[in-house]
Amino acid sequence: MTVGLLMPCLLPGAGVPEGFTAQSINGFVEELVVNDDPEYQWIDKIRTPRASNEARQTLFMKLSGAVQRKIGLKALELGGNAVVGYQQKFDVEGDTGIVVRGIGTAMFLVRTAPEGAGGAASPSAAAAAAALAQQQRSTSKE
């Protein structure tokens, strides 16, 4: 694990958020993670349904985080600071297990409007602005 490495902001929207401009479009990023489904393990025969569901939900959360982390690392390798149009899909494939796919476009975004300007921004634009501002502050400290 690299210390001080900042992850790009994953933006699920279809375009560049308000208050930002795409300085560069670095490329398409994708990732696929496969894991065994806990519903079909031998221990599931002695687990309660609740424990089995909790094991599956925990696995979904861990796989989701793993895909996001790998997508972010790929975006950083391409020189981006955001992944725009991020989509994540879960597939439960009987004998294969659980498959998680993540896709998006790695971009380098720059702020076009000052932090206080622009009136009422959308919540996604505000979240993107906060994430990118924190990343820029942290990068300038190094």
N, C-alpha and C. Protein backbone atom coordinates (compact mmCIF):
# COMPACT_ATOMS: atom_id res chain seq x y z
N MET A 1 0.85 -1.18 0.00
CA MET A 1 0.00 0.00 0.00
C MET A 1 0.89 1.24 0.00
N THR A 2 0.57 2.19 -0.86
CA THR A 2 1.35 3.40 -0.96
C THR A 2 0.80 4.44 -0.01
N VAL A 3 1.67 5.03 0.80
CA VAL A 3 1.25 6.04 1.76
C VAL A 3 1.14 7.38 1.05
N GLY A 4 0.08 8.15 1.35
CA GLY A 4 -0.10 9.48 0.77
C GLY A 4 -0.76 9.46 -0.59
N LEU A 5 -1.13 8.30 -1.08
CA LEU A 5 -1.79 8.20 -2.38
C LEU A 5 -3.26 8.54 -2.21
N LEU A 6 -3.74 9.52 -2.98
CA LEU A 6 -5.13 9.93 -2.89
C LEU A 6 -5.93 9.30 -4.00
N MET A 7 -7.12 8.86 -3.68
CA MET A 7 -7.97 8.22 -4.67
C MET A 7 -8.75 9.27 -5.43
N PRO A 8 -8.99 9.02 -6.72
CA PRO A 8 -9.82 9.92 -7.50
C PRO A 8 -11.26 9.90 -7.00
N CYS A 9 -11.97 10.93 -7.32
CA CYS A 9 -13.37 11.04 -6.96
C CYS A 9 -14.19 10.24 -7.98
N LEU A 10 -15.03 9.32 -7.51
CA LEU A 10 -15.89 8.53 -8.40
C LEU A 10 -17.23 9.25 -8.53
N LEU A 11 -17.53 9.71 -9.74
CA LEU A 11 -18.74 10.47 -9.99
C LEU A 11 -19.70 9.66 -10.85
N PRO A 12 -20.87 9.28 -10.30
CA PRO A 12 -21.77 8.44 -11.06
C PRO A 12 -22.53 9.15 -12.17
N GLY A 13 -22.52 10.47 -12.20
CA GLY A 13 -23.26 11.21 -13.22
C GLY A 13 -22.72 11.00 -14.62
N ALA A 14 -23.51 11.40 -15.60
CA ALA A 14 -23.14 11.16 -17.00
C ALA A 14 -22.14 12.18 -17.53
N GLY A 15 -21.91 13.26 -16.82
CA GLY A 15 -21.01 14.27 -17.35
C GLY A 15 -20.19 14.94 -16.27
N VAL A 16 -19.45 15.95 -16.67
CA VAL A 16 -18.61 16.71 -15.76
C VAL A 16 -19.52 17.54 -14.86
N PRO A 17 -19.31 17.52 -13.54
CA PRO A 17 -20.19 18.27 -12.64
C PRO A 17 -20.04 19.78 -12.82
N GLU A 18 -21.08 20.51 -12.37
CA GLU A 18 -21.07 21.97 -12.42
C GLU A 18 -19.85 22.51 -11.69
N GLY A 19 -19.28 23.58 -12.22
CA GLY A 19 -18.14 24.22 -11.57
C GLY A 19 -16.81 23.60 -11.91
N PHE A 20 -16.79 22.62 -12.79
CA PHE A 20 -15.55 21.96 -13.18
C PHE A 20 -15.46 21.86 -14.70
N THR A 21 -14.24 21.81 -15.18
CA THR A 21 -13.98 21.61 -16.60
C THR A 21 -13.02 20.44 -16.74
N ALA A 22 -13.26 19.64 -17.76
CA ALA A 22 -12.37 18.51 -18.03
C ALA A 22 -11.12 19.05 -18.71
N GLN A 23 -9.99 18.99 -18.00
CA GLN A 23 -8.73 19.42 -18.59
C GLN A 23 -8.21 18.36 -19.55
N SER A 24 -8.43 17.08 -19.19
CA SER A 24 -8.04 16.00 -20.10
C SER A 24 -8.92 14.79 -19.85
N ILE A 25 -9.19 14.07 -20.92
CA ILE A 25 -9.90 12.80 -20.83
C ILE A 25 -8.84 11.73 -21.00
N ASN A 26 -8.58 11.02 -19.91
CA ASN A 26 -7.44 10.11 -19.87
C ASN A 26 -7.74 8.71 -20.39
N GLY A 27 -9.00 8.32 -20.42
CA GLY A 27 -9.32 7.01 -20.97
C GLY A 27 -10.37 6.26 -20.18
N PHE A 28 -10.76 5.13 -20.74
CA PHE A 28 -11.77 4.25 -20.15
C PHE A 28 -11.10 3.37 -19.10
N VAL A 29 -11.74 3.26 -17.95
CA VAL A 29 -11.24 2.37 -16.90
C VAL A 29 -12.32 1.36 -16.56
N GLU A 30 -11.90 0.10 -16.36
CA GLU A 30 -12.83 -0.97 -16.02
C GLU A 30 -12.14 -1.95 -15.11
N GLU A 31 -12.96 -2.64 -14.34
CA GLU A 31 -12.43 -3.65 -13.43
C GLU A 31 -13.50 -4.70 -13.20
N LEU A 32 -13.06 -5.92 -12.95
CA LEU A 32 -13.95 -7.04 -12.71
C LEU A 32 -13.38 -7.84 -11.55
N VAL A 33 -14.23 -8.15 -10.57
CA VAL A 33 -13.82 -8.95 -9.42
C VAL A 33 -14.82 -10.08 -9.26
N VAL A 34 -14.31 -11.30 -9.05
CA VAL A 34 -15.14 -12.49 -8.88
C VAL A 34 -14.83 -13.11 -7.53
N ASN A 35 -15.87 -13.58 -6.84
CA ASN A 35 -15.68 -14.25 -5.56
C ASN A 35 -16.77 -15.30 -5.40
N ASP A 36 -16.50 -16.29 -4.55
CA ASP A 36 -17.49 -17.33 -4.29
C ASP A 36 -18.68 -16.75 -3.55
N ASP A 37 -19.85 -17.26 -3.85
CA ASP A 37 -21.08 -16.82 -3.20
C ASP A 37 -21.25 -17.58 -1.89
N PRO A 38 -21.33 -16.87 -0.76
CA PRO A 38 -21.47 -17.55 0.53
C PRO A 38 -22.78 -18.32 0.65
N GLU A 39 -23.78 -18.03 -0.18
CA GLU A 39 -25.05 -18.76 -0.15
C GLU A 39 -24.86 -20.23 -0.55
N TYR A 40 -23.80 -20.52 -1.29
CA TYR A 40 -23.59 -21.88 -1.80
C TYR A 40 -22.40 -22.57 -1.15
N GLN A 41 -22.00 -22.15 0.03
CA GLN A 41 -20.92 -22.81 0.75
C GLN A 41 -21.50 -23.88 1.67
N TRP A 42 -20.69 -24.86 2.02
CA TRP A 42 -21.15 -25.96 2.85
C TRP A 42 -21.63 -25.48 4.21
N ILE A 43 -20.99 -24.42 4.74
CA ILE A 43 -21.37 -23.94 6.07
C ILE A 43 -22.76 -23.32 6.06
N ASP A 44 -23.25 -22.95 4.88
CA ASP A 44 -24.57 -22.36 4.77
C ASP A 44 -25.65 -23.34 5.21
N LYS A 45 -25.36 -24.62 5.15
CA LYS A 45 -26.33 -25.63 5.56
C LYS A 45 -26.57 -25.63 7.07
N ILE A 46 -25.61 -25.10 7.84
CA ILE A 46 -25.78 -25.05 9.29
C ILE A 46 -25.98 -23.63 9.81
N ARG A 47 -25.85 -22.64 8.91
CA ARG A 47 -26.07 -21.24 9.30
C ARG A 47 -27.55 -20.91 9.27
N THR A 48 -27.93 -19.95 10.11
CA THR A 48 -29.30 -19.45 10.05
C THR A 48 -29.44 -18.59 8.79
N PRO A 49 -30.65 -18.41 8.29
CA PRO A 49 -30.83 -17.54 7.11
C PRO A 49 -30.31 -16.12 7.34
N ARG A 50 -30.50 -15.62 8.54
CA ARG A 50 -30.02 -14.27 8.85
C ARG A 50 -28.50 -14.18 8.74
N ALA A 51 -27.80 -15.15 9.32
CA ALA A 51 -26.34 -15.17 9.26
C ALA A 51 -25.85 -15.32 7.82
N SER A 52 -26.57 -16.12 7.04
CA SER A 52 -26.21 -16.30 5.64
C SER A 52 -26.37 -15.00 4.86
N ASN A 53 -27.48 -14.29 5.10
CA ASN A 53 -27.70 -13.00 4.43
C ASN A 53 -26.66 -11.97 4.85
N GLU A 54 -26.31 -11.96 6.13
CA GLU A 54 -25.29 -11.01 6.61
C GLU A 54 -23.95 -11.31 5.95
N ALA A 55 -23.61 -12.58 5.79
CA ALA A 55 -22.35 -12.94 5.14
C ALA A 55 -22.35 -12.46 3.70
N ARG A 56 -23.47 -12.60 3.03
CA ARG A 56 -23.56 -12.18 1.63
C ARG A 56 -23.49 -10.66 1.50
N GLN A 57 -24.20 -9.93 2.37
CA GLN A 57 -24.17 -8.47 2.33
C GLN A 57 -22.77 -7.93 2.65
N THR A 58 -22.09 -8.55 3.59
CA THR A 58 -20.72 -8.15 3.91
C THR A 58 -19.81 -8.37 2.70
N LEU A 59 -19.99 -9.48 2.02
CA LEU A 59 -19.19 -9.76 0.82
C LEU A 59 -19.47 -8.73 -0.27
N PHE A 60 -20.75 -8.36 -0.47
CA PHE A 60 -21.09 -7.34 -1.46
C PHE A 60 -20.37 -6.02 -1.14
N MET A 61 -20.37 -5.64 0.12
CA MET A 61 -19.73 -4.39 0.53
C MET A 61 -18.21 -4.45 0.28
N LYS A 62 -17.59 -5.55 0.62
CA LYS A 62 -16.14 -5.69 0.43
C LYS A 62 -15.77 -5.71 -1.05
N LEU A 63 -16.55 -6.41 -1.86
CA LEU A 63 -16.28 -6.46 -3.30
C LEU A 63 -16.48 -5.09 -3.94
N SER A 64 -17.51 -4.38 -3.50
CA SER A 64 -17.76 -3.03 -4.02
C SER A 64 -16.58 -2.12 -3.73
N GLY A 65 -16.08 -2.16 -2.51
CA GLY A 65 -14.91 -1.35 -2.14
C GLY A 65 -13.67 -1.74 -2.93
N ALA A 66 -13.49 -3.03 -3.17
CA ALA A 66 -12.32 -3.50 -3.92
C ALA A 66 -12.36 -3.00 -5.36
N VAL A 67 -13.55 -3.06 -5.98
CA VAL A 67 -13.68 -2.59 -7.36
C VAL A 67 -13.44 -1.08 -7.43
N GLN A 68 -14.01 -0.33 -6.50
CA GLN A 68 -13.81 1.13 -6.49
C GLN A 68 -12.33 1.47 -6.31
N ARG A 69 -11.67 0.77 -5.42
CA ARG A 69 -10.24 1.02 -5.18
C ARG A 69 -9.43 0.73 -6.44
N LYS A 70 -9.69 -0.38 -7.11
CA LYS A 70 -8.94 -0.73 -8.31
C LYS A 70 -9.21 0.24 -9.45
N ILE A 71 -10.47 0.67 -9.59
CA ILE A 71 -10.80 1.67 -10.62
C ILE A 71 -10.06 2.98 -10.32
N GLY A 72 -10.04 3.38 -9.06
CA GLY A 72 -9.33 4.61 -8.68
C GLY A 72 -7.85 4.53 -8.96
N LEU A 73 -7.23 3.39 -8.68
CA LEU A 73 -5.81 3.23 -8.95
C LEU A 73 -5.52 3.29 -10.45
N LYS A 74 -6.40 2.70 -11.25
CA LYS A 74 -6.21 2.76 -12.70
C LYS A 74 -6.34 4.20 -13.20
N ALA A 75 -7.30 4.95 -12.64
CA ALA A 75 -7.46 6.35 -13.03
C ALA A 75 -6.22 7.16 -12.67
N LEU A 76 -5.65 6.91 -11.50
CA LEU A 76 -4.42 7.60 -11.10
C LEU A 76 -3.27 7.26 -12.03
N GLU A 77 -3.16 5.99 -12.42
CA GLU A 77 -2.10 5.58 -13.34
C GLU A 77 -2.22 6.30 -14.68
N LEU A 78 -3.45 6.58 -15.08
CA LEU A 78 -3.68 7.29 -16.34
C LEU A 78 -3.53 8.81 -16.20
N GLY A 79 -3.34 9.29 -14.98
CA GLY A 79 -3.16 10.73 -14.74
C GLY A 79 -4.44 11.47 -14.44
N GLY A 80 -5.49 10.78 -14.07
CA GLY A 80 -6.76 11.43 -13.77
C GLY A 80 -6.94 11.69 -12.29
N ASN A 81 -7.88 12.59 -11.97
CA ASN A 81 -8.23 12.84 -10.57
C ASN A 81 -9.71 12.58 -10.31
N ALA A 82 -10.42 12.07 -11.35
CA ALA A 82 -11.85 11.75 -11.20
C ALA A 82 -12.22 10.64 -12.18
N VAL A 83 -13.25 9.89 -11.81
CA VAL A 83 -13.82 8.91 -12.73
C VAL A 83 -15.26 9.35 -12.96
N VAL A 84 -15.54 9.79 -14.17
CA VAL A 84 -16.86 10.32 -14.51
C VAL A 84 -17.68 9.22 -15.17
N GLY A 85 -18.98 9.21 -14.87
CA GLY A 85 -19.87 8.20 -15.43
C GLY A 85 -19.65 6.83 -14.83
N TYR A 86 -19.23 6.80 -13.57
CA TYR A 86 -18.93 5.53 -12.91
C TYR A 86 -20.19 4.70 -12.76
N GLN A 87 -20.10 3.43 -13.15
CA GLN A 87 -21.20 2.47 -12.99
C GLN A 87 -20.65 1.20 -12.37
N GLN A 88 -21.44 0.61 -11.50
CA GLN A 88 -21.04 -0.64 -10.87
C GLN A 88 -22.21 -1.61 -10.94
N LYS A 89 -21.93 -2.83 -11.37
CA LYS A 89 -22.97 -3.84 -11.53
C LYS A 89 -22.59 -5.10 -10.77
N PHE A 90 -23.58 -5.73 -10.14
CA PHE A 90 -23.41 -7.00 -9.45
C PHE A 90 -24.15 -8.08 -10.24
N ASP A 91 -23.51 -9.21 -10.45
CA ASP A 91 -24.14 -10.36 -11.08
C ASP A 91 -23.95 -11.56 -10.17
N VAL A 92 -25.02 -12.28 -9.93
CA VAL A 92 -24.94 -13.53 -9.18
C VAL A 92 -25.03 -14.65 -10.21
N GLU A 93 -23.90 -15.29 -10.43
CA GLU A 93 -23.81 -16.33 -11.45
C GLU A 93 -23.58 -17.66 -10.76
N GLY A 94 -24.63 -18.43 -10.62
CA GLY A 94 -24.66 -19.71 -9.92
C GLY A 94 -23.33 -20.37 -9.62
N ASP A 95 -22.72 -21.06 -10.61
CA ASP A 95 -21.51 -21.82 -10.34
C ASP A 95 -20.26 -20.95 -10.26
N THR A 96 -20.26 -19.78 -10.88
CA THR A 96 -19.09 -18.89 -10.85
C THR A 96 -19.01 -18.12 -9.53
N GLY A 97 -20.14 -17.71 -9.00
CA GLY A 97 -20.18 -16.94 -7.77
C GLY A 97 -20.71 -15.55 -8.02
N ILE A 98 -20.16 -14.58 -7.32
CA ILE A 98 -20.59 -13.19 -7.43
C ILE A 98 -19.56 -12.43 -8.26
N VAL A 99 -20.04 -11.72 -9.27
CA VAL A 99 -19.18 -10.95 -10.16
C VAL A 99 -19.55 -9.48 -10.01
N VAL A 100 -18.54 -8.64 -9.77
CA VAL A 100 -18.76 -7.20 -9.67
C VAL A 100 -17.95 -6.53 -10.76
N ARG A 101 -18.64 -5.68 -11.54
CA ARG A 101 -17.99 -4.95 -12.63
C ARG A 101 -18.11 -3.46 -12.36
N GLY A 102 -17.04 -2.74 -12.62
CA GLY A 102 -17.05 -1.29 -12.51
C GLY A 102 -16.47 -0.69 -13.77
N ILE A 103 -17.11 0.38 -14.29
CA ILE A 103 -16.62 1.07 -15.48
C ILE A 103 -16.76 2.57 -15.28
N GLY A 104 -15.97 3.33 -16.03
CA GLY A 104 -16.05 4.78 -16.00
C GLY A 104 -14.99 5.39 -16.90
N THR A 105 -14.96 6.70 -16.94
CA THR A 105 -13.99 7.44 -17.75
C THR A 105 -13.07 8.23 -16.83
N ALA A 106 -11.78 7.96 -16.92
CA ALA A 106 -10.80 8.69 -16.11
C ALA A 106 -10.58 10.06 -16.74
N MET A 107 -10.70 11.09 -15.92
CA MET A 107 -10.51 12.47 -16.38
C MET A 107 -9.70 13.25 -15.36
N PHE A 108 -9.11 14.35 -15.83
CA PHE A 108 -8.49 15.30 -14.91
C PHE A 108 -9.37 16.53 -14.93
N LEU A 109 -10.03 16.81 -13.78
CA LEU A 109 -10.95 17.93 -13.68
C LEU A 109 -10.29 19.10 -12.95
N VAL A 110 -10.61 20.30 -13.39
CA VAL A 110 -10.16 21.52 -12.72
C VAL A 110 -11.38 22.37 -12.40
N ARG A 111 -11.29 23.09 -11.29
CA ARG A 111 -12.38 23.95 -10.85
C ARG A 111 -12.43 25.19 -11.75
N THR A 112 -13.64 25.55 -12.20
CA THR A 112 -13.80 26.74 -13.03
C THR A 112 -14.40 27.89 -12.25
N ALA A 113 -15.20 27.59 -11.23
CA ALA A 113 -15.83 28.63 -10.44
C ALA A 113 -15.21 28.65 -9.05
N PRO A 114 -15.04 29.86 -8.46
CA PRO A 114 -14.54 29.92 -7.08
C PRO A 114 -15.49 29.19 -6.14
N GLU A 115 -14.98 28.76 -4.97
CA GLU A 115 -15.77 27.95 -4.03
C GLU A 115 -17.06 28.63 -3.61
N GLY A 116 -17.07 29.91 -3.36
CA GLY A 116 -18.27 30.60 -2.88
C GLY A 116 -19.20 31.04 -3.99
N ALA A 117 -18.77 31.01 -5.23
CA ALA A 117 -19.58 31.51 -6.34
C ALA A 117 -20.47 30.43 -6.92
N GLY A 118 -21.36 30.85 -7.76
CA GLY A 118 -22.16 29.90 -8.51
C GLY A 118 -23.54 29.64 -7.97
N GLY A 119 -23.93 30.26 -6.87
CA GLY A 119 -25.27 30.06 -6.36
C GLY A 119 -25.46 28.67 -5.82
N ALA A 120 -26.67 28.17 -5.95
CA ALA A 120 -27.00 26.85 -5.42
C ALA A 120 -26.55 25.77 -6.40
N ALA A 121 -25.61 24.99 -5.99
CA ALA A 121 -25.12 23.89 -6.83
C ALA A 121 -25.85 22.62 -6.46
N SER A 122 -25.83 21.66 -7.36
CA SER A 122 -26.46 20.38 -7.09
C SER A 122 -25.66 19.63 -6.03
N PRO A 123 -26.29 18.71 -5.30
CA PRO A 123 -25.56 17.95 -4.26
C PRO A 123 -24.38 17.17 -4.82
N SER A 124 -24.52 16.61 -6.03
CA SER A 124 -23.41 15.85 -6.59
C SER A 124 -22.25 16.77 -6.95
N ALA A 125 -22.56 17.98 -7.43
CA ALA A 125 -21.50 18.94 -7.74
C ALA A 125 -20.81 19.39 -6.46
N ALA A 126 -21.58 19.57 -5.39
CA ALA A 126 -20.98 19.97 -4.12
C ALA A 126 -20.08 18.87 -3.57
N ALA A 127 -20.51 17.61 -3.69
CA ALA A 127 -19.68 16.49 -3.22
C ALA A 127 -18.41 16.37 -4.05
N ALA A 128 -18.53 16.56 -5.36
CA ALA A 128 -17.35 16.50 -6.23
C ALA A 128 -16.40 17.64 -5.90
N ALA A 129 -16.95 18.82 -5.66
CA ALA A 129 -16.11 19.97 -5.34
C ALA A 129 -15.35 19.75 -4.04
N ALA A 130 -16.04 19.21 -3.03
CA ALA A 130 -15.39 18.96 -1.74
C ALA A 130 -14.29 17.92 -1.87
N ALA A 131 -14.55 16.84 -2.60
CA ALA A 131 -13.55 15.78 -2.77
C ALA A 131 -12.33 16.28 -3.53
N LEU A 132 -12.55 17.02 -4.61
CA LEU A 132 -11.42 17.52 -5.39
C LEU A 132 -10.64 18.60 -4.64
N ALA A 133 -11.35 19.46 -3.89
CA ALA A 133 -10.66 20.48 -3.11
C ALA A 133 -9.77 19.86 -2.05
N GLN A 134 -10.27 18.81 -1.39
CA GLN A 134 -9.48 18.13 -0.37
C GLN A 134 -8.26 17.47 -1.01
N GLN A 135 -8.45 16.88 -2.17
CA GLN A 135 -7.33 16.23 -2.87
C GLN A 135 -6.27 17.25 -3.26
N GLN A 136 -6.70 18.40 -3.76
CA GLN A 136 -5.76 19.44 -4.15
C GLN A 136 -5.01 20.01 -2.95
N ARG A 137 -5.72 20.17 -1.82
CA ARG A 137 -5.05 20.67 -0.60
C ARG A 137 -4.01 19.66 -0.12
N SER A 138 -4.37 18.38 -0.12
CA SER A 138 -3.47 17.34 0.35
C SER A 138 -2.25 17.22 -0.57
N THR A 139 -2.47 17.37 -1.87
CA THR A 139 -1.37 17.27 -2.82
C THR A 139 -0.40 18.44 -2.66
N SER A 140 -0.93 19.63 -2.36
CA SER A 140 -0.06 20.78 -2.22
C SER A 140 0.77 20.74 -0.94
N LYS A 141 0.34 19.98 0.07
CA LYS A 141 1.09 19.85 1.32
C LYS A 141 2.31 18.97 1.15
N GLU A 142 2.31 18.07 0.14
CA GLU A 142 3.42 17.11 -0.02
C GLU A 142 4.62 17.74 -0.64
